[in-house]
Amino acid sequence: PYCNCSNDEQLEDAEHYFFVCQLYRQERINLFNETRSLHPLNTEKLLCGSNCYAMEQNIQIFEAVQKYIHTTKRFDQLTAI
């Protein structure tokens, strides 16, 4: 539950992963650049999209988030229990 980004006991929740964690700074910049026209972003928009957006805009968010997750490699080391 804690992130490896610092010596503090920083919980690694979705908000931290997408907006705060310094381990993924460059990937975050890329995510924000790819979704620039849809700002301001929040965790809800990144994970669920928005009813205010057209399907194409929600697809843009979905693809940018998938790229972010892939490039951070954050979940590559997880194994099934």
C-alpha atoms as a PDB file:
ATOM      1  CA  PRO A   1       0.000   0.000   0.000  1.00  0.00           C
ATOM      2  CA  TYR A   2       2.989   2.336   0.347  1.00  0.00           C
ATOM      3  CA  CYS A   3       4.882   3.846  -2.563  1.00  0.00           C
ATOM      4  CA  ASN A   4       8.625   3.484  -3.044  1.00  0.00           C
ATOM      5  CA  CYS A   5       9.012   7.082  -4.206  1.00  0.00           C
ATOM      6  CA  SER A   6      10.225   8.368  -0.839  1.00  0.00           C
ATOM      7  CA  ASN A   7      11.166   7.374   2.665  1.00  0.00           C
ATOM      8  CA  ASP A   8       7.865   8.758   3.938  1.00  0.00           C
ATOM      9  CA  GLU A   9       4.982   6.410   4.414  1.00  0.00           C
ATOM     10  CA  GLN A  10       3.186   7.660   1.318  1.00  0.00           C
ATOM     11  CA  LEU A  11       0.124   5.608   0.430  1.00  0.00           C
ATOM     12  CA  GLU A  12       0.060   4.644  -3.216  1.00  0.00           C
ATOM     13  CA  ASP A  13      -3.493   5.260  -4.299  1.00  0.00           C
ATOM     14  CA  ALA A  14      -4.739   6.264  -7.739  1.00  0.00           C
ATOM     15  CA  GLU A  15      -4.403   9.974  -6.943  1.00  0.00           C
ATOM     16  CA  HIS A  16      -0.768   9.500  -5.952  1.00  0.00           C
ATOM     17  CA  TYR A  17       0.009   7.258  -8.940  1.00  0.00           C
ATOM     18  CA  PHE A  18      -1.444   9.606 -11.556  1.00  0.00           C
ATOM     19  CA  PHE A  19      -0.708  13.025 -10.061  1.00  0.00           C
ATOM     20  CA  VAL A  20       2.037  12.960  -7.425  1.00  0.00           C
ATOM     21  CA  CYS A  21       4.557  10.112  -7.613  1.00  0.00           C
ATOM     22  CA  GLN A  22       7.983  11.323  -8.661  1.00  0.00           C
ATOM     23  CA  LEU A  23       8.925   7.881  -9.980  1.00  0.00           C
ATOM     24  CA  TYR A  24       6.677   8.538 -12.983  1.00  0.00           C
ATOM     25  CA  ARG A  25       7.332  12.219 -13.597  1.00  0.00           C
ATOM     26  CA  GLN A  26       8.165  11.946 -17.309  1.00  0.00           C
ATOM     27  CA  GLU A  27       5.337   9.515 -17.996  1.00  0.00           C
ATOM     28  CA  ARG A  28       2.931  11.922 -16.241  1.00  0.00           C
ATOM     29  CA  ILE A  29       4.124  14.810 -18.411  1.00  0.00           C
ATOM     30  CA  ASN A  30       3.426  12.669 -21.476  1.00  0.00           C
ATOM     31  CA  LEU A  31      -0.040  11.744 -20.159  1.00  0.00           C
ATOM     32  CA  PHE A  32      -0.891  15.378 -19.522  1.00  0.00           C
ATOM     33  CA  ASN A  33       0.385  16.420 -22.953  1.00  0.00           C
ATOM     34  CA  GLU A  34      -1.708  13.723 -24.657  1.00  0.00           C
ATOM     35  CA  THR A  35      -4.835  14.878 -22.822  1.00  0.00           C
ATOM     36  CA  ARG A  36      -4.099  18.610 -22.887  1.00  0.00           C
ATOM     37  CA  SER A  37      -7.392  19.541 -24.545  1.00  0.00           C
ATOM     38  CA  LEU A  38      -9.358  17.752 -21.807  1.00  0.00           C
ATOM     39  CA  HIS A  39      -7.917  19.477 -18.747  1.00  0.00           C
ATOM     40  CA  PRO A  40      -8.487  19.887 -15.893  1.00  0.00           C
ATOM     41  CA  LEU A  41      -8.001  16.197 -15.141  1.00  0.00           C
ATOM     42  CA  ASN A  42      -8.877  14.286 -12.026  1.00  0.00           C
ATOM     43  CA  THR A  43      -8.762  10.647 -11.003  1.00  0.00           C
ATOM     44  CA  GLU A  44     -12.436  10.118 -11.863  1.00  0.00           C
ATOM     45  CA  LYS A  45     -11.929  11.361 -15.448  1.00  0.00           C
ATOM     46  CA  LEU A  46      -8.807   9.258 -15.918  1.00  0.00           C
ATOM     47  CA  LEU A  47     -10.416   6.064 -14.652  1.00  0.00           C
ATOM     48  CA  CYS A  48     -14.002   6.470 -15.837  1.00  0.00           C
ATOM     49  CA  GLY A  49     -14.061   9.139 -18.517  1.00  0.00           C
ATOM     50  CA  SER A  50     -16.791  11.768 -18.453  1.00  0.00           C
ATOM     51  CA  ASN A  51     -20.381  12.007 -19.631  1.00  0.00           C
ATOM     52  CA  CYS A  52     -19.543  15.568 -20.692  1.00  0.00           C
ATOM     53  CA  TYR A  53     -17.190  14.270 -23.391  1.00  0.00           C
ATOM     54  CA  ALA A  54     -17.915  12.674 -26.725  1.00  0.00           C
ATOM     55  CA  MET A  55     -16.949   9.017 -27.214  1.00  0.00           C
ATOM     56  CA  GLU A  56     -13.815  10.070 -29.121  1.00  0.00           C
ATOM     57  CA  GLN A  57     -12.608  12.186 -26.193  1.00  0.00           C
ATOM     58  CA  ASN A  58     -13.230   9.371 -23.724  1.00  0.00           C
ATOM     59  CA  ILE A  59     -11.302   7.025 -26.014  1.00  0.00           C
ATOM     60  CA  GLN A  60      -8.458   9.562 -26.060  1.00  0.00           C
ATOM     61  CA  ILE A  61      -8.359   9.505 -22.252  1.00  0.00           C
ATOM     62  CA  PHE A  62      -8.561   5.704 -22.139  1.00  0.00           C
ATOM     63  CA  GLU A  63      -5.691   5.282 -24.601  1.00  0.00           C
ATOM     64  CA  ALA A  64      -3.520   7.864 -22.820  1.00  0.00           C
ATOM     65  CA  VAL A  65      -4.097   6.162 -19.454  1.00  0.00           C
ATOM     66  CA  GLN A  66      -3.303   2.738 -20.921  1.00  0.00           C
ATOM     67  CA  LYS A  67      -0.072   4.126 -22.368  1.00  0.00           C
ATOM     68  CA  TYR A  68       0.789   5.696 -19.000  1.00  0.00           C
ATOM     69  CA  ILE A  69       0.226   2.410 -17.164  1.00  0.00           C
ATOM     70  CA  HIS A  70       2.266   0.509 -19.738  1.00  0.00           C
ATOM     71  CA  THR A  71       5.198   2.933 -19.796  1.00  0.00           C
ATOM     72  CA  THR A  72       5.432   3.229 -16.000  1.00  0.00           C
ATOM     73  CA  LYS A  73       5.761  -0.559 -15.787  1.00  0.00           C
ATOM     74  CA  ARG A  74       4.256  -0.195 -12.326  1.00  0.00           C
ATOM     75  CA  PHE A  75       2.206  -3.376 -12.581  1.00  0.00           C
ATOM     76  CA  ASP A  76       4.694  -5.526 -14.517  1.00  0.00           C
ATOM     77  CA  GLN A  77       6.133  -7.086 -11.351  1.00  0.00           C
ATOM     78  CA  LEU A  78       2.790  -8.157  -9.888  1.00  0.00           C
ATOM     79  CA  THR A  79       2.088 -11.872  -9.853  1.00  0.00           C
ATOM     80  CA  ALA A  80      -1.093 -13.820  -9.360  1.00  0.00           C
ATOM     81  CA  ILE A  81      -1.732 -15.105  -5.866  1.00  0.00           C
END
